[in-house]
Amino acid sequence: MVTNDQIIRLVVGLAVPVVLAPFAVLGLRRLFAIFLTEGVEIFSTLTLMSDDARTLGALMAKLNVIVMLSAWLILYTCSCFDLNYLLVTGIGLAGLAGAMLITAMTIKSNLEIEGRTLWMVTLLAFTGGNLPIIVVIGVLLALLPRIMGLS
């Protein structure tokens, strides 16, 4: 039998992130644009126009939020079923790697940079753009079990 506490845990862990995802995209698109512009200026000889940076930042924010949201939903579900920590760690790392690869592919397909420069710009844009998501997920994973009485 499903208790009220279990239903609340599922709603908080699964439904709330889905509802907040569009707002995350709206908030992160400018952050991605800022870090992308700075990365391009620091690591390459290109200059990125502000309209182009905003367009690419919005695209990267959308794609990264989708990947991070999918990873969160899978991780939270695995946590609810008390699956092996190695599996959960692998899923989390795969989500981060997938989001980074999507960021690199977005930059490569829209800008004329390759090789080491591409990866330096990608790393800066990915880290700067996703920093709020990474911090929030880390805090939630640390605090949610204590708040919800899971541990």
N, C-alpha and C. Protein backbone atom coordinates (compact mmCIF):
# COMPACT_ATOMS: atom_id res chain seq x y z
N MET A 1 0.84 -1.18 0.00
CA MET A 1 0.00 0.00 0.00
C MET A 1 0.88 1.25 0.00
N VAL A 2 0.50 2.19 -0.79
CA VAL A 2 1.27 3.42 -0.93
C VAL A 2 0.81 4.41 0.14
N THR A 3 1.78 4.96 0.86
CA THR A 3 1.45 5.92 1.92
C THR A 3 1.50 7.35 1.37
N ASN A 4 0.99 8.26 2.16
CA ASN A 4 1.00 9.67 1.77
C ASN A 4 2.43 10.20 1.66
N ASP A 5 3.31 9.74 2.54
CA ASP A 5 4.71 10.17 2.49
C ASP A 5 5.37 9.75 1.18
N GLN A 6 5.08 8.55 0.72
CA GLN A 6 5.66 8.09 -0.54
C GLN A 6 5.14 8.90 -1.72
N ILE A 7 3.87 9.23 -1.69
CA ILE A 7 3.29 10.04 -2.77
C ILE A 7 3.93 11.43 -2.77
N ILE A 8 4.09 12.02 -1.60
CA ILE A 8 4.71 13.35 -1.51
C ILE A 8 6.14 13.30 -2.02
N ARG A 9 6.89 12.27 -1.65
CA ARG A 9 8.27 12.11 -2.13
C ARG A 9 8.32 12.03 -3.65
N LEU A 10 7.43 11.25 -4.23
CA LEU A 10 7.41 11.12 -5.68
C LEU A 10 7.04 12.42 -6.37
N VAL A 11 6.06 13.13 -5.82
CA VAL A 11 5.66 14.41 -6.42
C VAL A 11 6.80 15.42 -6.33
N VAL A 12 7.41 15.51 -5.17
CA VAL A 12 8.50 16.48 -4.99
C VAL A 12 9.69 16.11 -5.87
N GLY A 13 10.03 14.85 -5.93
CA GLY A 13 11.22 14.44 -6.67
C GLY A 13 11.04 14.33 -8.17
N LEU A 14 9.82 14.05 -8.63
CA LEU A 14 9.61 13.83 -10.06
C LEU A 14 8.82 14.94 -10.74
N ALA A 15 7.76 15.41 -10.13
CA ALA A 15 6.90 16.39 -10.80
C ALA A 15 7.43 17.82 -10.69
N VAL A 16 7.95 18.19 -9.54
CA VAL A 16 8.42 19.56 -9.35
C VAL A 16 9.55 19.91 -10.32
N PRO A 17 10.55 19.04 -10.52
CA PRO A 17 11.60 19.38 -11.51
C PRO A 17 11.06 19.55 -12.93
N VAL A 18 10.07 18.77 -13.30
CA VAL A 18 9.48 18.88 -14.64
C VAL A 18 8.77 20.23 -14.78
N VAL A 19 8.08 20.66 -13.75
CA VAL A 19 7.38 21.95 -13.78
C VAL A 19 8.38 23.11 -13.81
N LEU A 20 9.50 22.96 -13.09
CA LEU A 20 10.49 24.04 -13.01
C LEU A 20 11.44 24.09 -14.20
N ALA A 21 11.47 23.07 -15.04
CA ALA A 21 12.41 23.01 -16.16
C ALA A 21 12.30 24.20 -17.12
N PRO A 22 11.10 24.62 -17.53
CA PRO A 22 11.04 25.79 -18.43
C PRO A 22 11.61 27.06 -17.80
N PHE A 23 11.41 27.21 -16.50
CA PHE A 23 11.97 28.38 -15.82
C PHE A 23 13.49 28.30 -15.75
N ALA A 24 14.02 27.09 -15.62
CA ALA A 24 15.47 26.91 -15.64
C ALA A 24 16.03 27.32 -17.00
N VAL A 25 15.34 26.96 -18.07
CA VAL A 25 15.80 27.35 -19.41
C VAL A 25 15.82 28.87 -19.53
N LEU A 26 14.77 29.51 -19.07
CA LEU A 26 14.71 30.97 -19.15
C LEU A 26 15.82 31.63 -18.36
N GLY A 27 16.14 31.07 -17.21
CA GLY A 27 17.20 31.64 -16.39
C GLY A 27 18.60 31.34 -16.89
N LEU A 28 18.80 30.18 -17.48
CA LEU A 28 20.14 29.75 -17.87
C LEU A 28 20.57 30.22 -19.25
N ARG A 29 19.65 30.61 -20.10
CA ARG A 29 20.03 30.96 -21.46
C ARG A 29 20.99 32.14 -21.51
N ARG A 30 20.79 33.13 -20.67
CA ARG A 30 21.72 34.27 -20.63
C ARG A 30 23.06 33.88 -20.04
N LEU A 31 23.03 32.99 -19.06
CA LEU A 31 24.27 32.52 -18.45
C LEU A 31 25.11 31.75 -19.46
N PHE A 32 24.48 30.88 -20.24
CA PHE A 32 25.19 30.17 -21.30
C PHE A 32 25.76 31.16 -22.32
N ALA A 33 24.98 32.17 -22.69
CA ALA A 33 25.44 33.16 -23.67
C ALA A 33 26.66 33.92 -23.15
N ILE A 34 26.64 34.30 -21.89
CA ILE A 34 27.77 35.04 -21.31
C ILE A 34 29.02 34.18 -21.32
N PHE A 35 28.93 32.96 -20.84
CA PHE A 35 30.10 32.10 -20.76
C PHE A 35 30.58 31.66 -22.14
N LEU A 36 29.67 31.49 -23.08
CA LEU A 36 30.05 31.16 -24.45
C LEU A 36 30.82 32.31 -25.07
N THR A 37 30.32 33.53 -24.92
CA THR A 37 30.99 34.70 -25.46
C THR A 37 32.39 34.85 -24.87
N GLU A 38 32.49 34.70 -23.57
CA GLU A 38 33.80 34.84 -22.92
C GLU A 38 34.76 33.73 -23.35
N GLY A 39 34.24 32.51 -23.47
CA GLY A 39 35.08 31.40 -23.90
C GLY A 39 35.61 31.58 -25.31
N VAL A 40 34.75 32.04 -26.20
CA VAL A 40 35.17 32.27 -27.58
C VAL A 40 36.22 33.38 -27.65
N GLU A 41 36.02 34.45 -26.88
CA GLU A 41 36.98 35.54 -26.89
C GLU A 41 38.30 35.18 -26.24
N ILE A 42 38.26 34.36 -25.20
CA ILE A 42 39.49 33.98 -24.50
C ILE A 42 40.30 32.96 -25.28
N PHE A 43 39.64 31.93 -25.81
CA PHE A 43 40.36 30.79 -26.35
C PHE A 43 40.47 30.77 -27.88
N SER A 44 39.82 31.69 -28.58
CA SER A 44 39.92 31.68 -30.04
C SER A 44 40.13 33.10 -30.56
N THR A 45 40.26 33.19 -31.85
CA THR A 45 40.45 34.50 -32.48
C THR A 45 39.12 35.07 -32.97
N LEU A 46 38.02 34.38 -32.74
CA LEU A 46 36.70 34.83 -33.19
C LEU A 46 36.10 35.83 -32.20
N THR A 47 35.19 36.62 -32.70
CA THR A 47 34.37 37.49 -31.86
C THR A 47 32.92 37.13 -32.13
N LEU A 48 32.21 36.84 -31.07
CA LEU A 48 30.83 36.39 -31.18
C LEU A 48 29.90 37.58 -30.96
N MET A 49 29.03 37.81 -31.92
CA MET A 49 28.05 38.90 -31.80
C MET A 49 27.03 38.56 -30.72
N SER A 50 26.46 39.57 -30.08
CA SER A 50 25.57 39.33 -28.95
C SER A 50 24.29 38.58 -29.36
N ASP A 51 23.78 38.86 -30.57
CA ASP A 51 22.58 38.13 -31.02
C ASP A 51 22.89 36.65 -31.23
N ASP A 52 24.04 36.38 -31.82
CA ASP A 52 24.45 34.98 -32.03
C ASP A 52 24.68 34.28 -30.70
N ALA A 53 25.29 34.97 -29.76
CA ALA A 53 25.54 34.39 -28.45
C ALA A 53 24.24 34.08 -27.73
N ARG A 54 23.27 34.99 -27.83
CA ARG A 54 21.98 34.74 -27.18
C ARG A 54 21.25 33.57 -27.81
N THR A 55 21.32 33.46 -29.13
CA THR A 55 20.67 32.35 -29.82
C THR A 55 21.31 31.02 -29.44
N LEU A 56 22.64 30.96 -29.48
CA LEU A 56 23.33 29.73 -29.10
C LEU A 56 23.15 29.42 -27.62
N GLY A 57 23.16 30.45 -26.78
CA GLY A 57 22.96 30.25 -25.35
C GLY A 57 21.59 29.67 -25.05
N ALA A 58 20.57 30.16 -25.75
CA ALA A 58 19.22 29.63 -25.56
C ALA A 58 19.14 28.17 -26.00
N LEU A 59 19.75 27.86 -27.14
CA LEU A 59 19.74 26.48 -27.63
C LEU A 59 20.47 25.55 -26.67
N MET A 60 21.65 25.97 -26.20
CA MET A 60 22.40 25.14 -25.26
C MET A 60 21.65 24.97 -23.94
N ALA A 61 20.98 26.01 -23.48
CA ALA A 61 20.21 25.91 -22.24
C ALA A 61 19.08 24.89 -22.39
N LYS A 62 18.36 24.95 -23.51
CA LYS A 62 17.27 24.00 -23.74
C LYS A 62 17.77 22.57 -23.75
N LEU A 63 18.83 22.33 -24.52
CA LEU A 63 19.34 20.96 -24.64
C LEU A 63 19.92 20.45 -23.32
N ASN A 64 20.66 21.30 -22.61
CA ASN A 64 21.24 20.88 -21.35
C ASN A 64 20.19 20.62 -20.29
N VAL A 65 19.16 21.44 -20.24
CA VAL A 65 18.10 21.21 -19.25
C VAL A 65 17.37 19.91 -19.54
N ILE A 66 17.15 19.60 -20.81
CA ILE A 66 16.50 18.33 -21.16
C ILE A 66 17.35 17.15 -20.70
N VAL A 67 18.64 17.19 -20.97
CA VAL A 67 19.52 16.08 -20.57
C VAL A 67 19.63 15.99 -19.06
N MET A 68 19.81 17.12 -18.39
CA MET A 68 19.94 17.11 -16.93
C MET A 68 18.63 16.69 -16.26
N LEU A 69 17.50 17.11 -16.82
CA LEU A 69 16.21 16.70 -16.27
C LEU A 69 16.02 15.19 -16.43
N SER A 70 16.36 14.67 -17.58
CA SER A 70 16.26 13.22 -17.80
C SER A 70 17.14 12.46 -16.82
N ALA A 71 18.37 12.93 -16.65
CA ALA A 71 19.29 12.28 -15.70
C ALA A 71 18.73 12.36 -14.28
N TRP A 72 18.19 13.53 -13.91
CA TRP A 72 17.62 13.66 -12.56
C TRP A 72 16.46 12.70 -12.35
N LEU A 73 15.56 12.60 -13.32
CA LEU A 73 14.41 11.71 -13.17
C LEU A 73 14.85 10.25 -13.02
N ILE A 74 15.84 9.86 -13.80
CA ILE A 74 16.36 8.50 -13.70
C ILE A 74 17.05 8.29 -12.35
N LEU A 75 17.88 9.26 -11.95
CA LEU A 75 18.58 9.14 -10.67
C LEU A 75 17.62 9.09 -9.49
N TYR A 76 16.62 9.93 -9.52
CA TYR A 76 15.66 9.94 -8.41
C TYR A 76 14.86 8.64 -8.35
N THR A 77 14.50 8.13 -9.50
CA THR A 77 13.78 6.85 -9.54
C THR A 77 14.66 5.73 -9.00
N CYS A 78 15.93 5.72 -9.40
CA CYS A 78 16.85 4.70 -8.87
C CYS A 78 17.02 4.85 -7.37
N SER A 79 17.04 6.09 -6.90
CA SER A 79 17.16 6.33 -5.46
C SER A 79 15.93 5.83 -4.71
N CYS A 80 14.76 6.00 -5.29
CA CYS A 80 13.52 5.52 -4.66
C CYS A 80 13.49 4.00 -4.56
N PHE A 81 14.10 3.32 -5.53
CA PHE A 81 14.13 1.87 -5.52
C PHE A 81 15.37 1.30 -4.84
N ASP A 82 16.19 2.15 -4.24
CA ASP A 82 17.40 1.74 -3.52
C ASP A 82 18.31 0.86 -4.37
N LEU A 83 18.57 1.31 -5.59
CA LEU A 83 19.45 0.56 -6.47
C LEU A 83 20.91 0.79 -6.08
N ASN A 84 21.78 -0.01 -6.66
CA ASN A 84 23.20 0.02 -6.36
C ASN A 84 23.77 1.42 -6.63
N TYR A 85 24.65 1.88 -5.73
CA TYR A 85 25.24 3.21 -5.88
C TYR A 85 26.14 3.32 -7.10
N LEU A 86 26.75 2.22 -7.52
CA LEU A 86 27.58 2.27 -8.73
C LEU A 86 26.73 2.54 -9.96
N LEU A 87 25.55 1.95 -10.01
CA LEU A 87 24.63 2.21 -11.12
C LEU A 87 24.18 3.67 -11.11
N VAL A 88 23.84 4.17 -9.95
CA VAL A 88 23.40 5.56 -9.82
C VAL A 88 24.52 6.51 -10.21
N THR A 89 25.74 6.22 -9.78
CA THR A 89 26.89 7.05 -10.14
C THR A 89 27.13 7.01 -11.64
N GLY A 90 27.02 5.85 -12.24
CA GLY A 90 27.20 5.73 -13.69
C GLY A 90 26.15 6.52 -14.46
N ILE A 91 24.92 6.49 -14.00
CA ILE A 91 23.85 7.25 -14.65
C ILE A 91 24.11 8.75 -14.53
N GLY A 92 24.52 9.19 -13.37
CA GLY A 92 24.83 10.61 -13.17
C GLY A 92 25.97 11.07 -14.05
N LEU A 93 27.03 10.28 -14.12
CA LEU A 93 28.17 10.62 -14.97
C LEU A 93 27.80 10.60 -16.45
N ALA A 94 26.96 9.65 -16.84
CA ALA A 94 26.51 9.60 -18.23
C ALA A 94 25.66 10.84 -18.58
N GLY A 95 24.85 11.30 -17.65
CA GLY A 95 24.07 12.51 -17.87
C GLY A 95 24.95 13.73 -18.05
N LEU A 96 25.96 13.86 -17.20
CA LEU A 96 26.90 14.98 -17.34
C LEU A 96 27.68 14.90 -18.64
N ALA A 97 28.16 13.71 -18.97
CA ALA A 97 28.92 13.54 -20.22
C ALA A 97 28.05 13.82 -21.44
N GLY A 98 26.80 13.36 -21.40
CA GLY A 98 25.89 13.62 -22.51
C GLY A 98 25.61 15.11 -22.69
N ALA A 99 25.41 15.80 -21.59
CA ALA A 99 25.17 17.24 -21.67
C ALA A 99 26.40 17.97 -22.20
N MET A 100 27.59 17.53 -21.79
CA MET A 100 28.81 18.17 -22.29
C MET A 100 29.01 17.90 -23.77
N LEU A 101 28.73 16.68 -24.21
CA LEU A 101 28.85 16.37 -25.63
C LEU A 101 27.85 17.16 -26.47
N ILE A 102 26.65 17.33 -25.97
CA ILE A 102 25.66 18.13 -26.68
C ILE A 102 26.11 19.58 -26.78
N THR A 103 26.70 20.08 -25.71
CA THR A 103 27.23 21.45 -25.73
C THR A 103 28.34 21.57 -26.76
N ALA A 104 29.24 20.59 -26.80
CA ALA A 104 30.34 20.62 -27.78
C ALA A 104 29.81 20.54 -29.20
N MET A 105 28.83 19.68 -29.44
CA MET A 105 28.27 19.55 -30.79
C MET A 105 27.56 20.83 -31.22
N THR A 106 26.88 21.48 -30.28
CA THR A 106 26.20 22.74 -30.60
C THR A 106 27.20 23.82 -30.98
N ILE A 107 28.27 23.91 -30.22
CA ILE A 107 29.30 24.91 -30.51
C ILE A 107 30.00 24.60 -31.83
N LYS A 108 30.36 23.34 -32.02
CA LYS A 108 31.07 22.96 -33.25
C LYS A 108 30.22 23.19 -34.50
N SER A 109 28.94 22.90 -34.41
CA SER A 109 28.09 23.04 -35.60
C SER A 109 27.76 24.50 -35.91
N ASN A 110 27.94 25.40 -34.97
CA ASN A 110 27.58 26.80 -35.20
C ASN A 110 28.77 27.75 -35.28
N LEU A 111 29.90 27.34 -34.77
CA LEU A 111 31.09 28.19 -34.81
C LEU A 111 32.22 27.44 -35.53
N GLU A 112 33.14 28.17 -36.07
CA GLU A 112 34.24 27.56 -36.82
C GLU A 112 35.45 27.33 -35.92
N ILE A 113 35.26 26.54 -34.88
CA ILE A 113 36.39 26.18 -34.01
C ILE A 113 36.42 24.67 -33.86
N GLU A 114 37.62 24.15 -33.68
CA GLU A 114 37.81 22.71 -33.55
C GLU A 114 38.93 22.41 -32.57
N GLY A 115 39.10 21.15 -32.28
CA GLY A 115 40.22 20.67 -31.48
C GLY A 115 40.19 21.16 -30.04
N ARG A 116 41.39 21.52 -29.57
CA ARG A 116 41.55 21.95 -28.19
C ARG A 116 40.73 23.20 -27.89
N THR A 117 40.68 24.13 -28.83
CA THR A 117 39.91 25.36 -28.65
C THR A 117 38.43 25.05 -28.45
N LEU A 118 37.91 24.13 -29.24
CA LEU A 118 36.52 23.72 -29.09
C LEU A 118 36.25 23.20 -27.69
N TRP A 119 37.13 22.35 -27.18
CA TRP A 119 36.91 21.75 -25.88
C TRP A 119 37.10 22.75 -24.74
N MET A 120 37.97 23.73 -24.91
CA MET A 120 38.13 24.75 -23.88
C MET A 120 36.89 25.65 -23.82
N VAL A 121 36.39 26.05 -24.99
CA VAL A 121 35.16 26.86 -25.04
C VAL A 121 33.99 26.05 -24.50
N THR A 122 33.90 24.79 -24.88
CA THR A 122 32.83 23.91 -24.40
C THR A 122 32.87 23.78 -22.89
N LEU A 123 34.05 23.54 -22.35
CA LEU A 123 34.18 23.37 -20.90
C LEU A 123 33.76 24.62 -20.15
N LEU A 124 34.17 25.79 -20.64
CA LEU A 124 33.80 27.03 -19.97
C LEU A 124 32.29 27.28 -20.09
N ALA A 125 31.73 27.11 -21.28
CA ALA A 125 30.30 27.34 -21.47
C ALA A 125 29.46 26.33 -20.68
N PHE A 126 29.87 25.08 -20.70
CA PHE A 126 29.14 24.03 -19.98
C PHE A 126 29.17 24.27 -18.47
N THR A 127 30.35 24.51 -17.95
CA THR A 127 30.48 24.70 -16.51
C THR A 127 29.77 25.96 -16.04
N GLY A 128 29.97 27.06 -16.74
CA GLY A 128 29.33 28.30 -16.35
C GLY A 128 27.83 28.27 -16.52
N GLY A 129 27.37 27.70 -17.62
CA GLY A 129 25.94 27.66 -17.87
C GLY A 129 25.18 26.72 -16.96
N ASN A 130 25.79 25.60 -16.62
CA ASN A 130 25.13 24.60 -15.79
C ASN A 130 25.43 24.71 -14.31
N LEU A 131 26.23 25.68 -13.92
CA LEU A 131 26.61 25.80 -12.52
C LEU A 131 25.41 25.85 -11.57
N PRO A 132 24.39 26.65 -11.85
CA PRO A 132 23.24 26.63 -10.94
C PRO A 132 22.55 25.27 -10.86
N ILE A 133 22.43 24.58 -12.00
CA ILE A 133 21.79 23.26 -11.99
C ILE A 133 22.62 22.27 -11.18
N ILE A 134 23.92 22.28 -11.39
CA ILE A 134 24.80 21.34 -10.68
C ILE A 134 24.75 21.59 -9.18
N VAL A 135 24.76 22.84 -8.78
CA VAL A 135 24.70 23.17 -7.35
C VAL A 135 23.35 22.76 -6.76
N VAL A 136 22.26 23.07 -7.46
CA VAL A 136 20.93 22.74 -6.94
C VAL A 136 20.75 21.22 -6.84
N ILE A 137 21.18 20.48 -7.84
CA ILE A 137 21.06 19.02 -7.79
C ILE A 137 21.90 18.45 -6.65
N GLY A 138 23.10 18.96 -6.47
CA GLY A 138 23.93 18.50 -5.36
C GLY A 138 23.30 18.77 -4.01
N VAL A 139 22.76 19.95 -3.84
CA VAL A 139 22.10 20.30 -2.58
C VAL A 139 20.86 19.43 -2.37
N LEU A 140 20.07 19.23 -3.41
CA LEU A 140 18.88 18.39 -3.28
C LEU A 140 19.23 16.95 -2.94
N LEU A 141 20.25 16.41 -3.60
CA LEU A 141 20.64 15.04 -3.30
C LEU A 141 21.17 14.90 -1.88
N ALA A 142 21.77 15.97 -1.36
CA ALA A 142 22.30 15.91 0.01
C ALA A 142 21.21 16.14 1.05
N LEU A 143 20.29 17.05 0.78
CA LEU A 143 19.30 17.43 1.79
C LEU A 143 17.98 16.68 1.71
N LEU A 144 17.56 16.31 0.52
CA LEU A 144 16.26 15.69 0.36
C LEU A 144 16.07 14.41 1.18
N PRO A 145 17.04 13.52 1.24
CA PRO A 145 16.84 12.33 2.08
C PRO A 145 16.64 12.67 3.55
N ARG A 146 17.34 13.69 4.02
CA ARG A 146 17.19 14.07 5.45
C ARG A 146 15.84 14.74 5.69
N ILE A 147 15.42 15.59 4.76
CA ILE A 147 14.16 16.30 4.93
C ILE A 147 12.98 15.34 4.82
N MET A 148 13.06 14.45 3.85
CA MET A 148 11.93 13.53 3.59
C MET A 148 12.00 12.28 4.46
N GLY A 149 13.04 12.13 5.27
CA GLY A 149 13.15 10.98 6.15
C GLY A 149 13.50 9.69 5.43
N LEU A 150 14.30 9.81 4.35
CA LEU A 150 14.66 8.61 3.57
C LEU A 150 15.86 7.88 4.16
N SER A 151 16.68 8.58 4.95
CA SER A 151 17.89 7.90 5.46
C SER A 151 17.77 7.55 6.92
